[in-house]
Amino acid sequence: MKEILKWMSFLVMMVSILFNTFDATIIKSAPEAKSAEELAEIQDIFDNYEIADEITVISLGALSHEQRHTVIFLQGLVAREKPSIFIDYGSASHKYALAEMEKSGYTISRTDEQGNPWKFESIIKKFSSYIKDSGYILYKTTEDHGQINTATNLATINGYLPVTPELEETVISLGLTKKLDISGDEIDLNYLKDFYKKHKDSFRNDSLVHLYYYVTGMRDFAIQQNIFVIYIEDSDYRGRLFRDEIMRELTPSSIIFGWCQYEKKFTQSASRYGHTVIPSDHSYNLSILSCYDAIDEEFSSALPENVQLDPTKHYVAIVYSDGDNAQWIQNGFSEYHTWQSYNEEKPVSWTFCPILTELSEVDIKRTLDIAGDTAFITGPSGGGYSRIMHMSSEELSAFSDYTAAVMKESGLSTMTLLDTIEEYEIENVFFSRMEKRLSYFSRYDNIEGGILQLDPDNYSGGKGRVIFSDDKPFVCVGFSLWYPSGNAEDVTEDWLKEQAEIINSKSADINSINGYTVINVHPWTVGPDDLRIFINNLDENIEVIGVNELLAAVKENIPHKTAVPG
């Protein structure tokens, strides 16, 4: 039996190698780049609405769990006509957003006519005219994917307000009448398939929301923008086939919001159809924030010219990862704000989600307010979290067009790409495939290069090699500051000093890739205080520069060909 399994494993490996070799030959040459006018049309995806003069703010603490979901549904229904409701979660970013909106001339209303803070009953009463035919949808529970997601979709289709049984008596007393009842329905896979087949034409075909039952983000935006909402466990094979069917019917380079159970399987699945994932299950108030014009400026991230280098130094760029994660940025971005408050001389670069130019400009403004000379690049993989090694030529063309468009809109000129070198892959074949795909991005003048986060080895699987595409450098992460256990509590000062010593042993050579290292920082295990210890233990032979400076130095000083550090 062991011998049979051994040969089966060998056969799978050989088929994979043959496929990858074949794939490297069939990817077509990148098409001609689109014009600035065409890119502007590609980037502007979602509908925009005029915000009401008065913004009604209800505190999260004023709502039970069930009430919160209903107010979010109401928020989405109202926002289809005039975004007016803001739920204050008490975060620093929400306080900032409300202060900025008030500065912009909006009236911020925190109390009703009697001077009492807004509560569930008073806010339903105030906005009842936005509920179609004063109707409600009864669904069983907020603790079930099928129930709450189907209720969300029915609200989008019909304009009625979903409520659970705990709230039914209250909404009846406020003048609502029951129009639909799914509380007794067993919402299994067959139910979802029938529902999707019957109603799919009621939803837009350039985006999808994939959302657990227990999160409250995104539902207002889904209702406002007519986006279908579903959740499938990645461990459910039959369910994944159905989800793949939905993704297959979306237009190439669609946006998949929310999150998942198994990151790699989910993002690979989305990428096979040319789509990109925006981690956003805890992104709140997007139905109003996406309509608020908060900034006149953009990121200034062009590669500098004539970087002055010391030939006795080894140059590193320290990049905080996970900027594909919209909710990380929208829910405080605390690592960034803490680091900036330290006023450290040695620069740290940050990945940032460029779609926030459309979803929440105010979070960009909050970031830029204290940016100084900080370097920013896109999160993986440009327009959003995608694995480009799984895309066909047509899908890659659409995704790279979207990436160029959203980068141009945000001002970001350097990108991050994330993928995996599988165990069975021949490295040189993988990088041949990667090089062809990079040309789809480098054909655009506003994309000046990037970094590659390649698994395995926590994004450092590319071992620091550089690939030039159209004479633009794409440098692989050479070292990852990522604690092996995945637990931030396990990080010790001794471990951080050991990691610094590894970098201290690097050689100086400004004329080859040996003289440069991109260091990835994992935000879920290495916090700002940890990073401070690491940087303070770097020797004088190590020079920390911004990631754009490093890419510019690589472009100016080393031969424009693929190279691996010796």
Protein backbone atom coordinates (compact mmCIF):
# COMPACT_ATOMS: atom_id res chain seq x y z
CA MET A 1 0.00 0.00 0.00
CA LYS A 2 2.82 2.40 0.89
CA GLU A 3 4.43 1.69 -2.47
CA ILE A 4 1.18 2.50 -4.29
CA LEU A 5 0.80 5.79 -2.40
CA LYS A 6 4.42 6.63 -3.15
CA TRP A 7 3.88 6.13 -6.89
CA MET A 8 0.59 8.04 -6.83
CA SER A 9 2.34 10.96 -5.14
CA PHE A 10 5.10 10.81 -7.75
CA LEU A 11 2.51 10.78 -10.55
CA VAL A 12 0.71 13.84 -9.11
CA MET A 13 4.04 15.64 -8.85
CA MET A 14 4.96 14.84 -12.47
CA VAL A 15 1.55 15.96 -13.77
CA SER A 16 1.92 19.22 -11.82
CA ILE A 17 5.41 19.81 -13.21
CA LEU A 18 4.19 19.18 -16.76
CA PHE A 19 1.24 21.51 -16.21
CA ASN A 20 3.42 24.29 -14.85
CA THR A 21 5.89 23.91 -17.71
CA PHE A 22 3.01 24.01 -20.19
CA ASP A 23 1.51 27.00 -18.39
CA ALA A 24 4.75 28.92 -18.80
CA THR A 25 4.45 28.57 -22.56
CA ILE A 26 0.74 29.32 -23.05
CA ILE A 27 0.47 32.63 -21.18
CA LYS A 28 0.15 35.17 -23.95
CA SER A 29 2.22 38.33 -24.21
CA ALA A 30 0.70 41.22 -22.30
CA PRO A 31 -1.67 43.34 -24.41
CA GLU A 32 -1.23 47.06 -24.99
CA ALA A 33 -1.75 49.17 -21.88
CA LYS A 34 -5.06 50.97 -21.54
CA SER A 35 -5.30 54.76 -21.71
CA ALA A 36 -5.74 56.99 -18.66
CA GLU A 37 -9.38 57.54 -19.64
CA GLU A 38 -10.03 53.81 -19.87
CA LEU A 39 -8.37 53.22 -16.50
CA ALA A 40 -10.58 55.88 -14.90
CA GLU A 41 -13.68 53.99 -16.06
CA ILE A 42 -12.32 50.65 -14.78
CA GLN A 43 -11.55 52.01 -11.31
CA ASP A 44 -14.92 53.63 -10.63
CA ILE A 45 -16.99 50.52 -9.82
CA PHE A 46 -19.62 51.31 -7.21
CA ASP A 47 -22.58 53.68 -7.22
CA ASN A 48 -22.21 56.98 -5.41
CA TYR A 49 -24.97 58.79 -3.51
CA GLU A 50 -25.35 62.25 -2.02
CA ILE A 51 -25.07 62.10 1.76
CA ALA A 52 -27.85 63.69 3.83
CA ASP A 53 -27.07 67.04 5.46
CA GLU A 54 -27.77 65.50 8.85
CA ILE A 55 -25.93 62.29 9.81
CA THR A 56 -27.71 60.29 12.49
CA VAL A 57 -25.19 58.60 14.79
CA ILE A 58 -26.19 55.70 17.00
CA SER A 59 -23.74 54.22 19.48
CA LEU A 60 -22.96 50.51 19.30
CA GLY A 61 -23.59 50.27 23.04
CA ALA A 62 -27.22 51.36 22.55
CA LEU A 63 -28.00 48.21 20.54
CA SER A 64 -28.38 44.51 21.33
CA HIS A 65 -26.76 42.07 18.90
CA GLU A 66 -30.05 41.49 17.05
CA GLN A 67 -30.88 45.20 17.01
CA ARG A 68 -27.46 46.00 15.56
CA HIS A 69 -28.07 43.75 12.56
CA THR A 70 -31.48 45.32 11.94
CA VAL A 71 -30.07 48.85 12.13
CA ILE A 72 -27.34 47.82 9.66
CA PHE A 73 -30.04 46.52 7.30
CA LEU A 74 -31.87 49.84 7.71
CA GLN A 75 -28.62 51.72 7.13
CA GLY A 76 -28.27 49.97 3.76
CA LEU A 77 -31.89 50.61 2.74
CA VAL A 78 -31.64 54.32 3.60
CA ALA A 79 -28.28 54.61 1.82
CA ARG A 80 -29.87 53.53 -1.48
CA GLU A 81 -31.46 56.97 -1.54
CA LYS A 82 -29.53 59.24 0.85
CA PRO A 83 -26.84 57.83 3.18
CA SER A 84 -27.75 59.11 6.64
CA ILE A 85 -26.96 56.55 9.36
CA PHE A 86 -23.58 56.04 11.04
CA ILE A 87 -23.03 53.37 13.72
CA ASP A 88 -20.29 54.53 16.10
CA TYR A 89 -18.24 51.55 17.25
CA GLY A 90 -16.13 53.82 19.46
CA SER A 91 -12.91 53.26 17.52
CA ALA A 92 -10.35 55.98 16.89
CA SER A 93 -11.05 55.77 13.16
CA HIS A 94 -14.80 56.29 13.66
CA LYS A 95 -14.21 59.27 15.95
CA TYR A 96 -11.90 60.72 13.31
CA ALA A 97 -14.39 60.10 10.49
CA LEU A 98 -17.23 61.81 12.35
CA ALA A 99 -15.03 64.79 13.25
CA GLU A 100 -13.98 65.17 9.61
CA MET A 101 -17.56 64.97 8.38
CA GLU A 102 -18.57 67.62 10.87
CA LYS A 103 -15.72 69.84 9.62
CA SER A 104 -17.06 69.31 6.11
CA GLY A 105 -20.36 70.88 7.10
CA TYR A 106 -22.52 67.87 7.96
CA THR A 107 -24.69 68.06 11.07
CA ILE A 108 -23.86 65.19 13.41
CA SER A 109 -27.03 64.16 15.25
CA ARG A 110 -26.46 61.98 18.32
CA THR A 111 -29.79 62.62 20.04
CA ASP A 112 -33.48 62.59 19.12
CA GLU A 113 -35.93 65.48 19.44
CA GLN A 114 -36.23 64.87 23.18
CA GLY A 115 -32.45 65.08 23.61
CA ASN A 116 -32.05 61.35 24.26
CA PRO A 117 -29.32 59.30 22.54
CA TRP A 118 -30.65 57.46 19.51
CA LYS A 119 -31.98 54.00 20.32
CA PHE A 120 -33.37 51.15 18.26
CA GLU A 121 -37.00 52.29 18.38
CA SER A 122 -36.32 55.96 17.68
CA ILE A 123 -34.03 55.29 14.73
CA ILE A 124 -36.50 52.84 13.13
CA LYS A 125 -39.25 55.39 13.55
CA LYS A 126 -37.16 58.21 12.08
CA PHE A 127 -36.27 56.28 8.90
CA SER A 128 -39.41 54.14 8.46
CA SER A 129 -40.26 55.91 5.20
CA TYR A 130 -37.24 54.25 3.57
CA ILE A 131 -38.66 50.78 4.28
CA LYS A 132 -40.72 49.71 1.28
CA ASP A 133 -44.43 49.37 2.04
CA SER A 134 -43.54 49.53 5.77
CA GLY A 135 -42.73 45.85 5.43
CA TYR A 136 -40.48 43.53 7.41
CA ILE A 137 -38.90 40.14 6.72
CA LEU A 138 -38.94 37.67 9.58
CA TYR A 139 -35.84 35.47 9.74
CA LYS A 140 -35.05 32.95 12.43
CA THR A 141 -31.69 33.92 13.89
CA THR A 142 -28.51 35.94 13.47
CA GLU A 143 -26.59 32.74 14.32
CA ASP A 144 -26.99 30.97 10.98
CA HIS A 145 -25.24 31.76 7.66
CA GLY A 146 -28.18 30.79 5.49
CA GLN A 147 -30.81 32.66 7.50
CA ILE A 148 -29.06 36.01 7.90
CA ASN A 149 -27.49 36.06 4.44
CA THR A 150 -30.78 35.16 2.75
CA ALA A 151 -32.51 37.87 4.79
CA THR A 152 -29.87 40.34 3.58
CA ASN A 153 -30.43 39.32 -0.04
CA LEU A 154 -34.21 39.60 0.32
CA ALA A 155 -33.81 43.09 1.76
CA THR A 156 -31.78 44.02 -1.32
CA ILE A 157 -34.40 42.61 -3.67
CA ASN A 158 -37.57 43.80 -1.92
CA GLY A 159 -36.62 46.79 0.22
CA TYR A 160 -38.15 45.30 3.36
CA LEU A 161 -36.45 45.37 6.78
CA PRO A 162 -35.22 42.00 8.18
CA VAL A 163 -35.85 41.31 11.88
CA THR A 164 -35.54 38.31 14.19
CA PRO A 165 -38.44 37.07 16.40
CA GLU A 166 -37.01 38.95 19.41
CA LEU A 167 -37.72 42.23 17.63
CA GLU A 168 -40.97 41.40 15.86
CA GLU A 169 -43.30 42.80 18.49
CA THR A 170 -41.31 46.06 18.61
CA VAL A 171 -41.37 46.70 14.86
CA ILE A 172 -45.09 45.87 14.69
CA SER A 173 -45.69 48.52 17.36
CA LEU A 174 -43.76 50.94 15.14
CA GLY A 175 -46.16 50.33 12.26
CA LEU A 176 -44.36 47.65 10.21
CA THR A 177 -46.18 44.65 8.74
CA LYS A 178 -44.83 41.24 7.84
CA LYS A 179 -44.25 40.74 4.11
CA LEU A 180 -41.94 37.70 4.05
CA ASP A 181 -41.20 34.92 6.53
CA ILE A 182 -38.18 32.62 6.14
CA SER A 183 -37.88 31.81 9.84
CA GLY A 184 -39.21 28.29 9.30
CA ASP A 185 -37.16 27.57 6.18
CA GLU A 186 -34.36 25.04 6.24
CA ILE A 187 -31.76 26.92 4.26
CA ASP A 188 -29.45 24.20 3.02
CA LEU A 189 -27.31 24.06 -0.11
CA ASN A 190 -30.22 23.13 -2.39
CA TYR A 191 -32.23 26.07 -1.04
CA LEU A 192 -29.32 28.44 -1.73
CA LYS A 193 -28.88 27.10 -5.25
CA ASP A 194 -32.57 27.56 -6.05
CA PHE A 195 -32.56 31.06 -4.52
CA TYR A 196 -29.49 32.10 -6.51
CA LYS A 197 -30.86 30.70 -9.77
CA LYS A 198 -34.15 32.52 -9.28
CA HIS A 199 -32.74 35.88 -8.17
CA LYS A 200 -29.21 36.23 -9.54
CA ASP A 201 -30.25 38.81 -12.14
CA SER A 202 -31.32 41.13 -9.32
CA PHE A 203 -27.70 41.53 -8.20
CA ARG A 204 -24.67 43.16 -9.79
CA ASN A 205 -22.19 40.85 -11.51
CA ASP A 206 -18.90 42.57 -10.63
CA SER A 207 -18.77 41.82 -6.90
CA LEU A 208 -19.75 39.33 -4.19
CA VAL A 209 -19.88 39.47 -0.39
CA HIS A 210 -18.72 36.30 1.41
CA LEU A 211 -19.72 36.77 5.04
CA TYR A 212 -19.93 34.70 8.24
CA TYR A 213 -23.16 34.96 10.21
CA TYR A 214 -21.48 36.42 13.29
CA VAL A 215 -19.92 39.52 11.74
CA THR A 216 -21.73 42.80 11.21
CA GLY A 217 -19.61 44.48 8.56
CA MET A 218 -20.46 44.88 4.86
CA ARG A 219 -24.23 44.16 5.00
CA ASP A 220 -25.20 47.84 4.68
CA PHE A 221 -22.89 48.21 1.66
CA ALA A 222 -24.19 44.98 0.09
CA ILE A 223 -27.80 46.21 0.28
CA GLN A 224 -26.92 49.68 -0.99
CA GLN A 225 -24.89 48.36 -3.94
CA ASN A 226 -27.06 45.30 -4.82
CA ILE A 227 -24.32 42.75 -4.04
CA PHE A 228 -25.20 39.09 -3.46
CA VAL A 229 -24.21 37.78 0.00
CA ILE A 230 -23.32 34.17 0.74
CA TYR A 231 -21.05 32.12 2.97
CA ILE A 232 -19.68 28.66 2.18
CA GLU A 233 -17.37 26.72 4.47
CA ASP A 234 -14.18 25.90 2.55
CA SER A 235 -14.35 22.39 4.02
CA ASP A 236 -17.70 21.83 2.22
CA TYR A 237 -16.72 20.37 -1.17
CA ARG A 238 -20.24 20.52 -2.70
CA GLY A 239 -20.69 24.03 -1.35
CA ARG A 240 -17.38 25.13 -2.87
CA LEU A 241 -18.54 23.88 -6.27
CA PHE A 242 -21.62 26.10 -5.96
CA ARG A 243 -19.53 29.06 -4.84
CA ASP A 244 -17.22 28.47 -7.82
CA GLU A 245 -20.29 28.55 -10.08
CA ILE A 246 -21.20 31.97 -8.69
CA MET A 247 -17.64 33.25 -9.14
CA ARG A 248 -17.51 31.85 -12.68
CA GLU A 249 -20.57 33.91 -13.62
CA LEU A 250 -19.08 37.17 -12.34
CA THR A 251 -17.21 39.40 -14.78
CA PRO A 252 -13.39 38.98 -14.67
CA SER A 253 -11.61 41.01 -11.99
CA SER A 254 -14.68 41.18 -9.74
CA ILE A 255 -14.29 42.20 -6.10
CA ILE A 256 -14.93 39.53 -3.44
CA PHE A 257 -15.58 41.21 -0.08
CA GLY A 258 -15.63 39.58 3.35
CA TRP A 259 -13.50 36.65 4.44
CA CYS A 260 -13.33 32.87 4.66
CA GLN A 261 -12.42 29.72 6.57
CA TYR A 262 -9.25 28.66 4.73
CA GLU A 263 -7.36 31.61 3.27
CA LYS A 264 -5.32 29.76 0.66
CA LYS A 265 -8.20 27.69 -0.77
CA PHE A 266 -10.51 30.68 -0.90
CA THR A 267 -8.09 33.08 -2.57
CA GLN A 268 -6.97 30.41 -5.04
CA SER A 269 -10.59 29.76 -5.93
CA ALA A 270 -11.29 33.47 -6.50
CA SER A 271 -8.08 33.86 -8.50
CA ARG A 272 -8.96 31.01 -10.87
CA TYR A 273 -11.72 33.24 -12.22
CA GLY A 274 -9.56 36.37 -12.22
CA HIS A 275 -11.14 37.91 -9.11
CA THR A 276 -9.60 39.66 -6.13
CA VAL A 277 -10.43 39.36 -2.43
CA ILE A 278 -10.73 42.36 -0.09
CA PRO A 279 -10.65 41.11 3.54
CA SER A 280 -13.43 43.26 4.95
CA ASP A 281 -15.82 41.29 7.16
CA HIS A 282 -15.34 43.93 9.87
CA SER A 283 -15.56 46.95 7.56
CA TYR A 284 -18.33 49.18 8.92
CA ASN A 285 -20.41 52.10 7.63
CA LEU A 286 -19.20 51.71 4.04
CA SER A 287 -22.62 52.72 2.70
CA ILE A 288 -21.95 56.25 3.95
CA LEU A 289 -18.12 56.40 4.03
CA SER A 290 -17.88 55.34 0.37
CA CYS A 291 -19.92 58.45 -0.54
CA TYR A 292 -17.83 60.90 1.51
CA ASP A 293 -15.21 62.86 -0.45
CA ALA A 294 -12.58 63.36 2.21
CA ILE A 295 -9.32 64.12 0.37
CA ASP A 296 -7.82 66.21 -2.38
CA GLU A 297 -4.39 64.57 -2.09
CA GLU A 298 -3.13 61.08 -2.83
CA PHE A 299 -0.17 58.92 -1.89
CA SER A 300 3.11 60.24 -3.26
CA SER A 301 5.11 57.08 -3.83
CA ALA A 302 7.18 57.42 -7.01
CA LEU A 303 10.62 55.82 -6.96
CA PRO A 304 13.22 58.48 -6.15
CA GLU A 305 16.07 59.24 -8.53
CA ASN A 306 19.81 59.03 -7.75
CA VAL A 307 19.63 57.30 -4.37
CA GLN A 308 22.89 58.03 -2.52
CA LEU A 309 24.42 54.78 -1.24
CA ASP A 310 27.35 53.90 1.00
CA PRO A 311 29.24 50.88 -0.44
CA THR A 312 30.10 49.72 3.09
CA LYS A 313 26.43 49.25 4.03
CA HIS A 314 23.90 46.48 3.48
CA TYR A 315 20.53 48.05 2.66
CA VAL A 316 17.22 46.78 4.02
CA ALA A 317 13.62 47.89 3.57
CA ILE A 318 11.27 46.94 6.42
CA VAL A 319 7.71 46.42 5.16
CA TYR A 320 4.72 45.88 7.45
CA SER A 321 2.42 43.43 5.65
CA ASP A 322 -1.35 42.85 5.45
CA GLY A 323 -2.28 46.06 3.66
CA ASP A 324 -4.68 44.02 1.51
CA ASN A 325 -6.79 43.90 4.65
CA ALA A 326 -9.25 46.81 4.46
CA GLN A 327 -10.61 46.16 7.95
CA TRP A 328 -7.10 46.33 9.48
CA ILE A 329 -6.75 49.86 8.16
CA GLN A 330 -10.36 50.87 8.89
CA ASN A 331 -10.42 49.60 12.46
CA GLY A 332 -7.68 51.79 13.81
CA PHE A 333 -4.50 50.80 11.92
CA SER A 334 -3.04 50.95 15.43
CA GLU A 335 0.38 49.48 14.55
CA TYR A 336 0.95 52.29 12.07
CA HIS A 337 -0.26 55.06 14.37
CA THR A 338 1.75 53.70 17.30
CA TRP A 339 4.91 53.46 15.19
CA GLN A 340 4.50 56.99 13.84
CA SER A 341 4.14 58.30 17.40
CA TYR A 342 7.62 56.96 18.23
CA ASN A 343 9.25 59.38 15.73
CA GLU A 344 11.95 56.83 14.97
CA GLU A 345 14.64 57.96 12.54
CA LYS A 346 14.77 54.65 10.69
CA PRO A 347 11.88 54.38 8.25
CA VAL A 348 9.31 51.59 8.11
CA SER A 349 7.24 51.09 4.95
CA TRP A 350 3.58 50.07 4.97
CA THR A 351 1.34 48.12 2.63
CA PHE A 352 -2.02 49.77 2.02
CA CYS A 353 -5.31 48.77 0.40
CA PRO A 354 -5.77 51.05 -2.66
CA ILE A 355 -9.51 50.30 -3.09
CA LEU A 356 -10.06 52.53 -0.04
CA THR A 357 -9.97 55.42 -2.53
CA GLU A 358 -13.46 54.22 -3.41
CA LEU A 359 -14.58 52.66 -0.13
CA SER A 360 -13.35 55.09 2.53
CA GLU A 361 -11.26 58.12 1.59
CA VAL A 362 -11.37 59.32 5.18
CA ASP A 363 -9.16 56.39 6.24
CA ILE A 364 -6.60 57.49 3.66
CA LYS A 365 -6.75 61.04 5.03
CA ARG A 366 -6.22 59.76 8.58
CA THR A 367 -3.19 57.82 7.36
CA LEU A 368 -1.68 60.69 5.37
CA ASP A 369 -2.19 63.21 8.21
CA ILE A 370 0.84 61.76 10.04
CA ALA A 371 2.68 60.06 7.18
CA GLY A 372 5.64 62.40 6.80
CA ASP A 373 8.16 60.66 4.51
CA THR A 374 6.76 57.19 5.14
CA ALA A 375 6.74 54.94 2.06
CA PHE A 376 3.53 53.14 1.09
CA ILE A 377 2.99 50.33 -1.41
CA THR A 378 -0.09 48.30 -2.27
CA GLY A 379 -1.06 45.29 -0.27
CA PRO A 380 -1.02 41.96 -2.08
CA SER A 381 -1.60 41.64 -4.90
CA GLY A 382 -2.04 45.16 -6.26
CA GLY A 383 -5.78 45.72 -6.64
CA GLY A 384 -6.52 43.20 -3.86
CA TYR A 385 -5.63 39.76 -2.55
CA SER A 386 -5.17 37.57 -5.63
CA ARG A 387 -2.84 34.75 -6.64
CA ILE A 388 -1.87 35.60 -10.18
CA MET A 389 -0.25 32.21 -10.83
CA HIS A 390 -3.78 30.78 -11.04
CA MET A 391 -5.01 33.23 -13.68
CA SER A 392 -5.31 32.76 -17.42
CA SER A 393 -4.10 35.43 -19.86
CA GLU A 394 -7.58 36.97 -20.15
CA GLU A 395 -8.14 37.04 -16.40
CA LEU A 396 -4.65 38.39 -15.77
CA SER A 397 -5.23 41.13 -18.33
CA ALA A 398 -8.44 42.25 -16.59
CA PHE A 399 -6.91 42.09 -13.10
CA SER A 400 -3.75 43.98 -14.08
CA ASP A 401 -5.90 46.63 -15.78
CA TYR A 402 -7.88 47.04 -12.56
CA THR A 403 -4.67 47.13 -10.47
CA ALA A 404 -3.18 49.84 -12.70
CA ALA A 405 -6.44 51.80 -12.46
CA VAL A 406 -6.77 51.69 -8.67
CA MET A 407 -3.05 52.38 -8.17
CA LYS A 408 -3.29 55.41 -10.45
CA GLU A 409 -6.29 56.70 -8.51
CA SER A 410 -4.54 56.26 -5.14
CA GLY A 411 -1.10 57.51 -6.22
CA LEU A 412 0.59 54.26 -5.19
CA SER A 413 3.23 53.24 -7.72
CA THR A 414 4.80 50.15 -6.15
CA MET A 415 2.91 46.90 -5.64
CA THR A 416 3.06 43.74 -3.58
CA LEU A 417 2.35 40.30 -5.06
CA LEU A 418 1.64 37.23 -2.93
CA ASP A 419 1.72 33.61 -4.06
CA THR A 420 3.09 30.17 -3.23
CA ILE A 421 5.94 28.09 -4.61
CA GLU A 422 4.43 24.64 -4.12
CA GLU A 423 6.60 21.76 -2.92
CA TYR A 424 6.31 19.95 -6.25
CA GLU A 425 7.29 22.98 -8.36
CA ILE A 426 10.68 23.44 -9.98
CA GLU A 427 11.85 26.86 -8.84
CA ASN A 428 13.17 28.03 -12.20
CA VAL A 429 9.91 27.01 -13.91
CA PHE A 430 7.90 28.87 -11.26
CA PHE A 431 9.89 32.06 -11.77
CA SER A 432 9.63 31.74 -15.54
CA ARG A 433 5.86 31.62 -15.13
CA MET A 434 5.99 34.54 -12.70
CA GLU A 435 8.15 36.65 -15.02
CA LYS A 436 5.61 36.36 -17.83
CA ARG A 437 2.81 37.42 -15.52
CA LEU A 438 4.72 40.39 -14.12
CA SER A 439 4.84 41.88 -17.63
CA TYR A 440 1.07 42.43 -17.43
CA PHE A 441 1.68 44.88 -14.58
CA SER A 442 4.99 46.41 -15.66
CA ARG A 443 3.48 47.45 -19.04
CA TYR A 444 1.83 50.32 -17.16
CA ASP A 445 3.91 53.48 -16.67
CA ASN A 446 2.35 54.17 -13.27
CA ILE A 447 3.50 50.77 -11.89
CA GLU A 448 7.22 51.13 -11.17
CA GLY A 449 7.99 47.74 -9.60
CA GLY A 450 7.18 45.83 -6.48
CA ILE A 451 7.98 43.17 -3.91
CA LEU A 452 7.03 39.49 -3.99
CA GLN A 453 5.78 37.74 -0.86
CA LEU A 454 6.20 34.05 -1.66
CA ASP A 455 5.32 31.12 0.54
CA PRO A 456 6.58 28.80 1.92
CA ASP A 457 8.76 30.25 4.71
CA ASN A 458 6.35 33.02 5.69
CA TYR A 459 6.65 35.08 2.50
CA SER A 460 10.43 34.61 2.19
CA GLY A 461 10.25 31.61 -0.18
CA GLY A 462 11.68 33.71 -3.02
CA LYS A 463 14.96 34.02 -1.07
CA GLY A 464 15.50 37.64 -1.99
CA ARG A 465 15.86 37.20 -5.73
CA VAL A 466 15.02 40.04 -8.11
CA ILE A 467 13.12 39.80 -11.37
CA PHE A 468 13.21 42.67 -13.87
CA SER A 469 10.18 43.19 -16.04
CA ASP A 470 10.28 46.05 -18.56
CA ASP A 471 13.40 47.15 -16.65
CA LYS A 472 11.34 47.49 -13.46
CA PRO A 473 12.50 45.63 -10.33
CA PHE A 474 10.34 43.10 -8.49
CA VAL A 475 12.28 42.01 -5.41
CA CYS A 476 11.34 38.92 -3.37
CA VAL A 477 11.14 39.18 0.41
CA GLY A 478 14.50 37.95 1.68
CA PHE A 479 13.70 37.75 5.39
CA SER A 480 10.46 37.53 7.38
CA LEU A 481 10.12 38.78 10.94
CA TRP A 482 7.31 36.38 11.79
CA TYR A 483 7.21 34.41 15.04
CA PRO A 484 6.97 30.67 14.24
CA SER A 485 4.18 29.86 16.71
CA GLY A 486 1.90 32.54 15.26
CA ASN A 487 1.26 33.87 18.79
CA ALA A 488 2.31 37.41 19.61
CA GLU A 489 2.57 36.51 23.32
CA ASP A 490 5.44 34.12 22.56
CA VAL A 491 7.74 36.79 21.10
CA THR A 492 10.75 37.45 23.35
CA GLU A 493 13.50 40.04 23.33
CA ASP A 494 16.09 37.28 22.90
CA TRP A 495 14.33 36.02 19.75
CA LEU A 496 14.19 39.55 18.32
CA LYS A 497 17.92 40.02 18.97
CA GLU A 498 18.64 36.68 17.26
CA GLN A 499 16.70 37.83 14.20
CA ALA A 500 18.63 41.10 14.15
CA GLU A 501 21.91 39.16 14.23
CA ILE A 502 20.86 37.28 11.09
CA ILE A 503 20.48 40.62 9.30
CA ASN A 504 23.72 41.93 10.81
CA SER A 505 25.60 39.11 9.08
CA LYS A 506 24.52 40.33 5.62
CA SER A 507 27.27 41.58 3.33
CA ALA A 508 27.63 44.97 1.64
CA ASP A 509 27.48 45.00 -2.16
CA ILE A 510 25.51 47.83 -3.74
CA ASN A 511 26.17 46.47 -7.24
CA SER A 512 24.39 43.14 -6.77
CA ILE A 513 21.23 41.84 -5.18
CA ASN A 514 23.45 40.51 -2.35
CA GLY A 515 23.54 44.04 -0.97
CA TYR A 516 19.77 44.43 -0.48
CA THR A 517 17.11 42.71 1.64
CA VAL A 518 13.36 43.28 1.84
CA ILE A 519 12.23 42.39 5.37
CA ASN A 520 8.57 41.45 5.86
CA VAL A 521 7.02 42.20 9.26
CA HIS A 522 4.07 40.04 10.27
CA PRO A 523 1.57 42.35 12.05
CA TRP A 524 -0.20 39.58 13.98
CA THR A 525 2.94 38.45 15.86
CA VAL A 526 5.36 41.41 15.73
CA GLY A 527 4.02 44.63 17.18
CA PRO A 528 5.58 48.12 17.08
CA ASP A 529 7.43 47.62 20.38
CA ASP A 530 8.89 44.34 19.10
CA LEU A 531 9.95 46.00 15.87
CA ARG A 532 11.63 48.76 17.84
CA ILE A 533 13.77 46.20 19.68
CA PHE A 534 14.67 44.50 16.40
CA ILE A 535 15.70 47.75 14.69
CA ASN A 536 17.67 48.99 17.71
CA ASN A 537 19.75 45.79 17.58
CA LEU A 538 20.79 46.25 13.95
CA ASP A 539 24.50 47.08 13.61
CA GLU A 540 25.98 50.12 11.91
CA ASN A 541 26.68 48.12 8.74
CA ILE A 542 22.90 47.84 8.17
CA GLU A 543 21.12 50.83 6.65
CA VAL A 544 17.30 50.94 6.82
CA ILE A 545 15.67 52.78 3.91
CA GLY A 546 12.15 53.06 2.49
CA VAL A 547 11.01 50.28 0.18
CA ASN A 548 10.75 52.69 -2.77
CA GLU A 549 14.33 53.81 -2.14
CA LEU A 550 15.48 50.21 -2.11
CA LEU A 551 13.73 49.44 -5.39
CA ALA A 552 15.20 52.58 -6.94
CA ALA A 553 18.68 51.59 -5.74
CA VAL A 554 18.27 48.09 -7.18
CA LYS A 555 17.08 49.56 -10.47
CA GLU A 556 20.03 51.98 -10.68
CA ASN A 557 22.86 49.76 -9.52
CA ILE A 558 22.44 46.11 -10.45
CA PRO A 559 22.20 44.38 -13.85
CA HIS A 560 18.63 44.21 -15.18
CA LYS A 561 18.26 40.45 -15.16
CA THR A 562 16.89 37.84 -12.80
CA ALA A 563 19.32 37.31 -9.94
CA VAL A 564 19.42 35.27 -6.74
CA PRO A 565 21.54 36.35 -3.75
CA GLY A 566 24.65 34.21 -3.35
